[in-house]
Amino acid sequence: MKYNARYVFDFIFGWMESIISNVLGILSYSVIVISLSPLVLIPIVISSVVTYITGKNQTDFIEKNRNRWSRAERKEGFLYSILSDLSRVKDKKYIICSAG
């Protein structure tokens, strides 16, 4: 696989720039928080842990129930495709009349 040298350079440079800016941001934020008051760190850590746990539980719940939801979405998509297909107008009248 052949890569364009400009694309590779831009990717690596952007990646390094992102890493350096994130590290500098974390360091400066830490210095400011600790210099003001170390007690400020407690609510920050607690809120971060709560956010992480909530996000993890949400992701686990979605992964666990994905199959159940995908079946319902497939059925809904099938019914929508049948009812929106104008070439089957006679069939739709039959389906509607036979259902009621």
PDB file of N, CA and C in Angstrom:
ATOM      1  N   MET A   1       0.838  -1.161   0.000  1.00  0.00           N
ATOM      2  CA  MET A   1       0.000   0.000   0.000  1.00  0.00           C
ATOM      3  C   MET A   1       0.894   1.239   0.000  1.00  0.00           C
ATOM      4  N   LYS A   2       0.630   2.138  -0.914  1.00  0.00           N
ATOM      5  CA  LYS A   2       1.462   3.322  -1.051  1.00  0.00           C
ATOM      6  C   LYS A   2       0.748   4.522  -0.414  1.00  0.00           C
ATOM      7  N   TYR A   3       1.469   5.245   0.428  1.00  0.00           N
ATOM      8  CA  TYR A   3       0.914   6.415   1.097  1.00  0.00           C
ATOM      9  C   TYR A   3       1.532   7.678   0.531  1.00  0.00           C
ATOM     10  N   ASN A   4       0.746   8.711   0.509  1.00  0.00           N
ATOM     11  CA  ASN A   4       1.234  10.014   0.105  1.00  0.00           C
ATOM     12  C   ASN A   4       2.076  10.574   1.254  1.00  0.00           C
ATOM     13  N   ALA A   5       3.295  11.017   0.968  1.00  0.00           N
ATOM     14  CA  ALA A   5       4.207  11.490   2.016  1.00  0.00           C
ATOM     15  C   ALA A   5       3.634  12.702   2.740  1.00  0.00           C
ATOM     16  N   ARG A   6       2.943  13.557   2.027  1.00  0.00           N
ATOM     17  CA  ARG A   6       2.353  14.745   2.650  1.00  0.00           C
ATOM     18  C   ARG A   6       1.272  14.338   3.652  1.00  0.00           C
ATOM     19  N   TYR A   7       0.467  13.352   3.300  1.00  0.00           N
ATOM     20  CA  TYR A   7      -0.591  12.876   4.189  1.00  0.00           C
ATOM     21  C   TYR A   7       0.010  12.276   5.458  1.00  0.00           C
ATOM     22  N   VAL A   8       1.046  11.475   5.302  1.00  0.00           N
ATOM     23  CA  VAL A   8       1.698  10.840   6.455  1.00  0.00           C
ATOM     24  C   VAL A   8       2.311  11.904   7.357  1.00  0.00           C
ATOM     25  N   PHE A   9       2.993  12.882   6.768  1.00  0.00           N
ATOM     26  CA  PHE A   9       3.597  13.956   7.543  1.00  0.00           C
ATOM     27  C   PHE A   9       2.524  14.736   8.307  1.00  0.00           C
ATOM     28  N   ASP A  10       1.429  15.077   7.637  1.00  0.00           N
ATOM     29  CA  ASP A  10       0.346  15.820   8.295  1.00  0.00           C
ATOM     30  C   ASP A  10      -0.258  15.009   9.440  1.00  0.00           C
ATOM     31  N   PHE A  11      -0.418  13.713   9.231  1.00  0.00           N
ATOM     32  CA  PHE A  11      -0.992  12.866  10.270  1.00  0.00           C
ATOM     33  C   PHE A  11      -0.079  12.802  11.488  1.00  0.00           C
ATOM     34  N   ILE A  12       1.192  12.548  11.260  1.00  0.00           N
ATOM     35  CA  ILE A  12       2.144  12.430  12.377  1.00  0.00           C
ATOM     36  C   ILE A  12       2.300  13.766  13.094  1.00  0.00           C
ATOM     37  N   PHE A  13       2.405  14.850  12.341  1.00  0.00           N
ATOM     38  CA  PHE A  13       2.541  16.166  12.946  1.00  0.00           C
ATOM     39  C   PHE A  13       1.294  16.523  13.755  1.00  0.00           C
ATOM     40  N   GLY A  14       0.121  16.243  13.230  1.00  0.00           N
ATOM     41  CA  GLY A  14      -1.130  16.512  13.963  1.00  0.00           C
ATOM     42  C   GLY A  14      -1.240  15.672  15.223  1.00  0.00           C
ATOM     43  N   TRP A  15      -0.825  14.421  15.129  1.00  0.00           N
ATOM     44  CA  TRP A  15      -0.869  13.526  16.291  1.00  0.00           C
ATOM     45  C   TRP A  15       0.068  14.018  17.381  1.00  0.00           C
ATOM     46  N   MET A  16       1.296  14.396  16.996  1.00  0.00           N
ATOM     47  CA  MET A  16       2.261  14.892  17.980  1.00  0.00           C
ATOM     48  C   MET A  16       1.793  16.217  18.591  1.00  0.00           C
ATOM     49  N   GLU A  17       1.231  17.078  17.769  1.00  0.00           N
ATOM     50  CA  GLU A  17       0.718  18.352  18.265  1.00  0.00           C
ATOM     51  C   GLU A  17      -0.407  18.128  19.274  1.00  0.00           C
ATOM     52  N   SER A  18      -1.258  17.187  18.993  1.00  0.00           N
ATOM     53  CA  SER A  18      -2.366  16.867  19.902  1.00  0.00           C
ATOM     54  C   SER A  18      -1.848  16.324  21.231  1.00  0.00           C
ATOM     55  N   ILE A  19      -0.891  15.414  21.173  1.00  0.00           N
ATOM     56  CA  ILE A  19      -0.325  14.832  22.401  1.00  0.00           C
ATOM     57  C   ILE A  19       0.348  15.913  23.246  1.00  0.00           C
ATOM     58  N   ILE A  20       1.165  16.742  22.609  1.00  0.00           N
ATOM     59  CA  ILE A  20       1.889  17.778  23.354  1.00  0.00           C
ATOM     60  C   ILE A  20       0.924  18.779  23.980  1.00  0.00           C
ATOM     61  N   SER A  21      -0.086  19.196  23.232  1.00  0.00           N
ATOM     62  CA  SER A  21      -1.036  20.171  23.790  1.00  0.00           C
ATOM     63  C   SER A  21      -1.845  19.555  24.928  1.00  0.00           C
ATOM     64  N   ASN A  22      -2.199  18.289  24.825  1.00  0.00           N
ATOM     65  CA  ASN A  22      -2.942  17.639  25.910  1.00  0.00           C
ATOM     66  C   ASN A  22      -2.091  17.492  27.163  1.00  0.00           C
ATOM     67  N   VAL A  23      -0.835  17.113  27.006  1.00  0.00           N
ATOM     68  CA  VAL A  23       0.057  16.961  28.161  1.00  0.00           C
ATOM     69  C   VAL A  23       0.289  18.312  28.832  1.00  0.00           C
ATOM     70  N   LEU A  24       0.540  19.346  28.034  1.00  0.00           N
ATOM     71  CA  LEU A  24       0.722  20.682  28.607  1.00  0.00           C
ATOM     72  C   LEU A  24      -0.545  21.172  29.304  1.00  0.00           C
ATOM     73  N   GLY A  25      -1.682  20.886  28.748  1.00  0.00           N
ATOM     74  CA  GLY A  25      -2.944  21.273  29.374  1.00  0.00           C
ATOM     75  C   GLY A  25      -3.148  20.586  30.707  1.00  0.00           C
ATOM     76  N   ILE A  26      -2.874  19.297  30.756  1.00  0.00           N
ATOM     77  CA  ILE A  26      -3.028  18.548  32.014  1.00  0.00           C
ATOM     78  C   ILE A  26      -2.060  19.066  33.067  1.00  0.00           C
ATOM     79  N   LEU A  27      -0.814  19.301  32.666  1.00  0.00           N
ATOM     80  CA  LEU A  27       0.178  19.795  33.621  1.00  0.00           C
ATOM     81  C   LEU A  27      -0.190  21.186  34.155  1.00  0.00           C
ATOM     82  N   SER A  28      -0.589  22.082  33.275  1.00  0.00           N
ATOM     83  CA  SER A  28      -0.937  23.435  33.737  1.00  0.00           C
ATOM     84  C   SER A  28      -2.195  23.411  34.597  1.00  0.00           C
ATOM     85  N   TYR A  29      -3.155  22.608  34.243  1.00  0.00           N
ATOM     86  CA  TYR A  29      -4.371  22.479  35.047  1.00  0.00           C
ATOM     87  C   TYR A  29      -4.035  21.920  36.426  1.00  0.00           C
ATOM     88  N   SER A  30      -3.168  20.928  36.475  1.00  0.00           N
ATOM     89  CA  SER A  30      -2.788  20.332  37.762  1.00  0.00           C
ATOM     90  C   SER A  30      -2.060  21.339  38.644  1.00  0.00           C
ATOM     91  N   VAL A  31      -1.154  22.107  38.064  1.00  0.00           N
ATOM     92  CA  VAL A  31      -0.413  23.099  38.841  1.00  0.00           C
ATOM     93  C   VAL A  31      -1.357  24.156  39.399  1.00  0.00           C
ATOM     94  N   ILE A  32      -2.303  24.612  38.592  1.00  0.00           N
ATOM     95  CA  ILE A  32      -3.256  25.635  39.059  1.00  0.00           C
ATOM     96  C   ILE A  32      -4.121  25.092  40.179  1.00  0.00           C
ATOM     97  N   VAL A  33      -4.657  23.898  40.024  1.00  0.00           N
ATOM     98  CA  VAL A  33      -5.542  23.322  41.037  1.00  0.00           C
ATOM     99  C   VAL A  33      -4.795  23.073  42.345  1.00  0.00           C
ATOM    100  N   ILE A  34      -3.617  22.501  42.265  1.00  0.00           N
ATOM    101  CA  ILE A  34      -2.864  22.181  43.477  1.00  0.00           C
ATOM    102  C   ILE A  34      -2.367  23.459  44.160  1.00  0.00           C
ATOM    103  N   SER A  35      -2.014  24.478  43.381  1.00  0.00           N
ATOM    104  CA  SER A  35      -1.538  25.713  44.011  1.00  0.00           C
ATOM    105  C   SER A  35      -2.675  26.465  44.688  1.00  0.00           C
ATOM    106  N   LEU A  36      -3.880  26.376  44.161  1.00  0.00           N
ATOM    107  CA  LEU A  36      -5.011  27.056  44.804  1.00  0.00           C
ATOM    108  C   LEU A  36      -5.403  26.337  46.087  1.00  0.00           C
ATOM    109  N   SER A  37      -5.744  25.078  45.949  1.00  0.00           N
ATOM    110  CA  SER A  37      -6.108  24.295  47.119  1.00  0.00           C
ATOM    111  C   SER A  37      -6.178  22.823  46.727  1.00  0.00           C
ATOM    112  N   PRO A  38      -5.474  21.989  47.432  1.00  0.00           N
ATOM    113  CA  PRO A  38      -5.549  20.555  47.130  1.00  0.00           C
ATOM    114  C   PRO A  38      -6.939  19.966  47.399  1.00  0.00           C
ATOM    115  N   LEU A  39      -7.734  20.634  48.224  1.00  0.00           N
ATOM    116  CA  LEU A  39      -9.081  20.137  48.500  1.00  0.00           C
ATOM    117  C   LEU A  39      -9.997  20.251  47.280  1.00  0.00           C
ATOM    118  N   VAL A  40      -9.647  21.117  46.336  1.00  0.00           N
ATOM    119  CA  VAL A  40     -10.426  21.247  45.110  1.00  0.00           C
ATOM    120  C   VAL A  40     -10.309  19.972  44.287  1.00  0.00           C
ATOM    121  N   LEU A  41      -9.227  19.249  44.493  1.00  0.00           N
ATOM    122  CA  LEU A  41      -8.997  18.018  43.747  1.00  0.00           C
ATOM    123  C   LEU A  41     -10.027  16.937  44.078  1.00  0.00           C
ATOM    124  N   ILE A  42     -10.540  16.933  45.300  1.00  0.00           N
ATOM    125  CA  ILE A  42     -11.490  15.888  45.728  1.00  0.00           C
ATOM    126  C   ILE A  42     -12.763  15.907  44.883  1.00  0.00           C
ATOM    127  N   PRO A  43     -13.481  17.043  44.748  1.00  0.00           N
ATOM    128  CA  PRO A  43     -14.682  17.004  43.902  1.00  0.00           C
ATOM    129  C   PRO A  43     -14.382  16.726  42.433  1.00  0.00           C
ATOM    130  N   ILE A  44     -13.215  17.167  41.968  1.00  0.00           N
ATOM    131  CA  ILE A  44     -12.865  16.890  40.573  1.00  0.00           C
ATOM    132  C   ILE A  44     -12.690  15.393  40.352  1.00  0.00           C
ATOM    133  N   VAL A  45     -11.998  14.731  41.261  1.00  0.00           N
ATOM    134  CA  VAL A  45     -11.789  13.286  41.144  1.00  0.00           C
ATOM    135  C   VAL A  45     -13.113  12.542  41.288  1.00  0.00           C
ATOM    136  N   ILE A  46     -13.937  12.951  42.258  1.00  0.00           N
ATOM    137  CA  ILE A  46     -15.223  12.273  42.470  1.00  0.00           C
ATOM    138  C   ILE A  46     -16.118  12.423  41.240  1.00  0.00           C
ATOM    139  N   SER A  47     -16.199  13.623  40.686  1.00  0.00           N
ATOM    140  CA  SER A  47     -17.045  13.814  39.504  1.00  0.00           C
ATOM    141  C   SER A  47     -16.515  13.035  38.305  1.00  0.00           C
ATOM    142  N   SER A  48     -15.199  12.938  38.178  1.00  0.00           N
ATOM    143  CA  SER A  48     -14.627  12.158  37.079  1.00  0.00           C
ATOM    144  C   SER A  48     -14.946  10.673  37.220  1.00  0.00           C
ATOM    145  N   VAL A  49     -14.845  10.159  38.439  1.00  0.00           N
ATOM    146  CA  VAL A  49     -15.151   8.744  38.675  1.00  0.00           C
ATOM    147  C   VAL A  49     -16.631   8.462  38.414  1.00  0.00           C
ATOM    148  N   VAL A  50     -17.511   9.347  38.874  1.00  0.00           N
ATOM    149  CA  VAL A  50     -18.950   9.161  38.651  1.00  0.00           C
ATOM    150  C   VAL A  50     -19.266   9.202  37.161  1.00  0.00           C
ATOM    151  N   THR A  51     -18.661  10.129  36.442  1.00  0.00           N
ATOM    152  CA  THR A  51     -18.878  10.219  34.995  1.00  0.00           C
ATOM    153  C   THR A  51     -18.387   8.963  34.288  1.00  0.00           C
ATOM    154  N   TYR A  52     -17.234   8.449  34.688  1.00  0.00           N
ATOM    155  CA  TYR A  52     -16.697   7.233  34.071  1.00  0.00           C
ATOM    156  C   TYR A  52     -17.620   6.036  34.320  1.00  0.00           C
ATOM    157  N   ILE A  53     -18.050   5.867  35.566  1.00  0.00           N
ATOM    158  CA  ILE A  53     -18.901   4.722  35.910  1.00  0.00           C
ATOM    159  C   ILE A  53     -20.236   4.808  35.178  1.00  0.00           C
ATOM    160  N   THR A  54     -20.819   6.009  35.131  1.00  0.00           N
ATOM    161  CA  THR A  54     -22.088   6.182  34.427  1.00  0.00           C
ATOM    162  C   THR A  54     -21.944   5.879  32.940  1.00  0.00           C
ATOM    163  N   GLY A  55     -20.892   6.375  32.323  1.00  0.00           N
ATOM    164  CA  GLY A  55     -20.658   6.105  30.906  1.00  0.00           C
ATOM    165  C   GLY A  55     -20.421   4.636  30.625  1.00  0.00           C
ATOM    166  N   LYS A  56     -19.679   3.967  31.498  1.00  0.00           N
ATOM    167  CA  LYS A  56     -19.423   2.537  31.321  1.00  0.00           C
ATOM    168  C   LYS A  56     -20.709   1.728  31.456  1.00  0.00           C
ATOM    169  N   ASN A  57     -21.539   2.070  32.455  1.00  0.00           N
ATOM    170  CA  ASN A  57     -22.805   1.360  32.622  1.00  0.00           C
ATOM    171  C   ASN A  57     -23.732   1.589  31.432  1.00  0.00           C
ATOM    172  N   GLN A  58     -23.737   2.794  30.894  1.00  0.00           N
ATOM    173  CA  GLN A  58     -24.572   3.090  29.733  1.00  0.00           C
ATOM    174  C   GLN A  58     -24.117   2.276  28.526  1.00  0.00           C
ATOM    175  N   THR A  59     -22.821   2.207  28.304  1.00  0.00           N
ATOM    176  CA  THR A  59     -22.291   1.429  27.186  1.00  0.00           C
ATOM    177  C   THR A  59     -22.600  -0.057  27.358  1.00  0.00           C
ATOM    178  N   ASP A  60     -22.438  -0.580  28.561  1.00  0.00           N
ATOM    179  CA  ASP A  60     -22.756  -1.992  28.821  1.00  0.00           C
ATOM    180  C   ASP A  60     -24.232  -2.283  28.586  1.00  0.00           C
ATOM    181  N   PHE A  61     -25.114  -1.376  29.013  1.00  0.00           N
ATOM    182  CA  PHE A  61     -26.555  -1.555  28.831  1.00  0.00           C
ATOM    183  C   PHE A  61     -26.909  -1.570  27.346  1.00  0.00           C
ATOM    184  N   ILE A  62     -26.312  -0.662  26.582  1.00  0.00           N
ATOM    185  CA  ILE A  62     -26.592  -0.611  25.145  1.00  0.00           C
ATOM    186  C   ILE A  62     -26.095  -1.871  24.460  1.00  0.00           C
ATOM    187  N   GLU A  63     -24.907  -2.334  24.801  1.00  0.00           N
ATOM    188  CA  GLU A  63     -24.371  -3.551  24.198  1.00  0.00           C
ATOM    189  C   GLU A  63     -25.211  -4.775  24.559  1.00  0.00           C
ATOM    190  N   LYS A  64     -25.711  -4.815  25.800  1.00  0.00           N
ATOM    191  CA  LYS A  64     -26.499  -5.961  26.248  1.00  0.00           C
ATOM    192  C   LYS A  64     -27.847  -6.035  25.531  1.00  0.00           C
ATOM    193  N   ASN A  65     -28.453  -4.901  25.243  1.00  0.00           N
ATOM    194  CA  ASN A  65     -29.800  -4.879  24.666  1.00  0.00           C
ATOM    195  C   ASN A  65     -29.821  -4.577  23.179  1.00  0.00           C
ATOM    196  N   ARG A  66     -28.669  -4.542  22.544  1.00  0.00           N
ATOM    197  CA  ARG A  66     -28.615  -4.191  21.124  1.00  0.00           C
ATOM    198  C   ARG A  66     -29.390  -5.176  20.253  1.00  0.00           C
ATOM    199  N   ASN A  67     -29.290  -6.467  20.543  1.00  0.00           N
ATOM    200  CA  ASN A  67     -29.986  -7.463  19.719  1.00  0.00           C
ATOM    201  C   ASN A  67     -31.494  -7.303  19.790  1.00  0.00           C
ATOM    202  N   ARG A  68     -32.002  -7.031  20.974  1.00  0.00           N
ATOM    203  CA  ARG A  68     -33.449  -6.859  21.130  1.00  0.00           C
ATOM    204  C   ARG A  68     -33.925  -5.639  20.349  1.00  0.00           C
ATOM    205  N   TRP A  69     -33.168  -4.552  20.419  1.00  0.00           N
ATOM    206  CA  TRP A  69     -33.564  -3.334  19.719  1.00  0.00           C
ATOM    207  C   TRP A  69     -33.388  -3.472  18.218  1.00  0.00           C
ATOM    208  N   SER A  70     -32.366  -4.175  17.768  1.00  0.00           N
ATOM    209  CA  SER A  70     -32.136  -4.293  16.334  1.00  0.00           C
ATOM    210  C   SER A  70     -33.237  -5.113  15.673  1.00  0.00           C
ATOM    211  N   ARG A  71     -33.784  -6.125  16.378  1.00  0.00           N
ATOM    212  CA  ARG A  71     -34.905  -6.883  15.814  1.00  0.00           C
ATOM    213  C   ARG A  71     -36.108  -5.985  15.598  1.00  0.00           C
ATOM    214  N   ALA A  72     -36.419  -5.159  16.582  1.00  0.00           N
ATOM    215  CA  ALA A  72     -37.567  -4.251  16.455  1.00  0.00           C
ATOM    216  C   ALA A  72     -37.326  -3.228  15.346  1.00  0.00           C
ATOM    217  N   GLU A  73     -36.114  -2.734  15.225  1.00  0.00           N
ATOM    218  CA  GLU A  73     -35.803  -1.765  14.168  1.00  0.00           C
ATOM    219  C   GLU A  73     -35.897  -2.407  12.784  1.00  0.00           C
ATOM    220  N   ARG A  74     -35.482  -3.674  12.670  1.00  0.00           N
ATOM    221  CA  ARG A  74     -35.595  -4.363  11.380  1.00  0.00           C
ATOM    222  C   ARG A  74     -37.057  -4.533  11.001  1.00  0.00           C
ATOM    223  N   LYS A  75     -37.900  -4.924  11.967  1.00  0.00           N
ATOM    224  CA  LYS A  75     -39.328  -5.077  11.683  1.00  0.00           C
ATOM    225  C   LYS A  75     -39.942  -3.753  11.272  1.00  0.00           C
ATOM    226  N   GLU A  76     -39.580  -2.696  11.971  1.00  0.00           N
ATOM    227  CA  GLU A  76     -40.108  -1.377  11.646  1.00  0.00           C
ATOM    228  C   GLU A  76     -39.662  -0.944  10.253  1.00  0.00           C
ATOM    229  N   GLY A  77     -38.405  -1.194   9.927  1.00  0.00           N
ATOM    230  CA  GLY A  77     -37.895  -0.855   8.596  1.00  0.00           C
ATOM    231  C   GLY A  77     -38.583  -1.656   7.507  1.00  0.00           C
ATOM    232  N   PHE A  78     -38.864  -2.943   7.769  1.00  0.00           N
ATOM    233  CA  PHE A  78     -39.560  -3.777   6.795  1.00  0.00           C
ATOM    234  C   PHE A  78     -40.970  -3.252   6.547  1.00  0.00           C
ATOM    235  N   LEU A  79     -41.685  -2.945   7.624  1.00  0.00           N
ATOM    236  CA  LEU A  79     -43.040  -2.417   7.461  1.00  0.00           C
ATOM    237  C   LEU A  79     -43.027  -1.078   6.742  1.00  0.00           C
ATOM    238  N   TYR A  80     -42.068  -0.231   7.061  1.00  0.00           N
ATOM    239  CA  TYR A  80     -41.975   1.067   6.386  1.00  0.00           C
ATOM    240  C   TYR A  80     -41.701   0.877   4.904  1.00  0.00           C
ATOM    241  N   SER A  81     -40.817  -0.070   4.554  1.00  0.00           N
ATOM    242  CA  SER A  81     -40.500  -0.274   3.142  1.00  0.00           C
ATOM    243  C   SER A  81     -41.708  -0.821   2.383  1.00  0.00           C
ATOM    244  N   ILE A  82     -42.504  -1.675   3.020  1.00  0.00           N
ATOM    245  CA  ILE A  82     -43.698  -2.198   2.358  1.00  0.00           C
ATOM    246  C   ILE A  82     -44.720  -1.089   2.153  1.00  0.00           C
ATOM    247  N   LEU A  83     -44.956  -0.303   3.188  1.00  0.00           N
ATOM    248  CA  LEU A  83     -45.988   0.721   3.102  1.00  0.00           C
ATOM    249  C   LEU A  83     -45.564   1.922   2.262  1.00  0.00           C
ATOM    250  N   SER A  84     -44.279   2.126   2.046  1.00  0.00           N
ATOM    251  CA  SER A  84     -43.849   3.273   1.241  1.00  0.00           C
ATOM    252  C   SER A  84     -43.611   2.910  -0.222  1.00  0.00           C
ATOM    253  N   ASP A  85     -43.711   1.639  -0.574  1.00  0.00           N
ATOM    254  CA  ASP A  85     -43.509   1.208  -1.953  1.00  0.00           C
ATOM    255  C   ASP A  85     -44.807   1.399  -2.724  1.00  0.00           C
ATOM    256  N   LEU A  86     -44.824   2.381  -3.633  1.00  0.00           N
ATOM    257  CA  LEU A  86     -46.054   2.707  -4.356  1.00  0.00           C
ATOM    258  C   LEU A  86     -46.403   1.688  -5.433  1.00  0.00           C
ATOM    259  N   SER A  87     -45.503   0.812  -5.776  1.00  0.00           N
ATOM    260  CA  SER A  87     -45.805  -0.186  -6.799  1.00  0.00           C
ATOM    261  C   SER A  87     -46.709  -1.298  -6.255  1.00  0.00           C
ATOM    262  N   ARG A  88     -46.880  -1.367  -4.945  1.00  0.00           N
ATOM    263  CA  ARG A  88     -47.720  -2.409  -4.336  1.00  0.00           C
ATOM    264  C   ARG A  88     -49.016  -1.828  -3.772  1.00  0.00           C
ATOM    265  N   VAL A  89     -49.606  -0.891  -4.455  1.00  0.00           N
ATOM    266  CA  VAL A  89     -50.802  -0.237  -3.926  1.00  0.00           C
ATOM    267  C   VAL A  89     -51.918  -1.254  -3.714  1.00  0.00           C
ATOM    268  N   LYS A  90     -52.095  -2.173  -4.641  1.00  0.00           N
ATOM    269  CA  LYS A  90     -53.142  -3.187  -4.484  1.00  0.00           C
ATOM    270  C   LYS A  90     -52.866  -4.061  -3.264  1.00  0.00           C
ATOM    271  N   ASP A  91     -51.606  -4.439  -3.056  1.00  0.00           N
ATOM    272  CA  ASP A  91     -51.245  -5.266  -1.914  1.00  0.00           C
ATOM    273  C   ASP A  91     -51.517  -4.526  -0.603  1.00  0.00           C
ATOM    274  N   LYS A  92     -51.247  -3.228  -0.564  1.00  0.00           N
ATOM    275  CA  LYS A  92     -51.475  -2.461   0.652  1.00  0.00           C
ATOM    276  C   LYS A  92     -52.953  -2.407   0.977  1.00  0.00           C
ATOM    277  N   LYS A  93     -53.778  -2.243  -0.060  1.00  0.00           N
ATOM    278  CA  LYS A  93     -55.219  -2.228   0.205  1.00  0.00           C
ATOM    279  C   LYS A  93     -55.658  -3.565   0.756  1.00  0.00           C
ATOM    280  N   TYR A  94     -55.103  -4.643   0.239  1.00  0.00           N
ATOM    281  CA  TYR A  94     -55.443  -5.959   0.744  1.00  0.00           C
ATOM    282  C   TYR A  94     -54.983  -6.123   2.185  1.00  0.00           C
ATOM    283  N   ILE A  95     -53.779  -5.680   2.487  1.00  0.00           N
ATOM    284  CA  ILE A  95     -53.252  -5.810   3.851  1.00  0.00           C
ATOM    285  C   ILE A  95     -54.098  -4.991   4.824  1.00  0.00           C
ATOM    286  N   ILE A  96     -54.453  -3.758   4.435  1.00  0.00           N
ATOM    287  CA  ILE A  96     -55.236  -2.905   5.324  1.00  0.00           C
ATOM    288  C   ILE A  96     -56.644  -3.464   5.505  1.00  0.00           C
ATOM    289  N   CYS A  97     -57.269  -3.948   4.421  1.00  0.00           N
ATOM    290  CA  CYS A  97     -58.629  -4.479   4.538  1.00  0.00           C
ATOM    291  C   CYS A  97     -58.657  -5.779   5.318  1.00  0.00           C
ATOM    292  N   SER A  98     -57.670  -6.639   5.133  1.00  0.00           N
ATOM    293  CA  SER A  98     -57.677  -7.921   5.823  1.00  0.00           C
ATOM    294  C   SER A  98     -57.320  -7.767   7.293  1.00  0.00           C
ATOM    295  N   ALA A  99     -56.606  -6.694   7.659  1.00  0.00           N
ATOM    296  CA  ALA A  99     -56.252  -6.496   9.048  1.00  0.00           C
ATOM    297  C   ALA A  99     -57.443  -5.973   9.850  1.00  0.00           C
ATOM    298  N   GLY A 100     -58.328  -5.259   9.238  1.00  0.00           N
ATOM    299  CA  GLY A 100     -59.417  -4.639   9.983  1.00  0.00           C
ATOM    300  C   GLY A 100     -60.677  -5.291   9.743  1.00  0.00           C
TER     301      GLY A 100
END
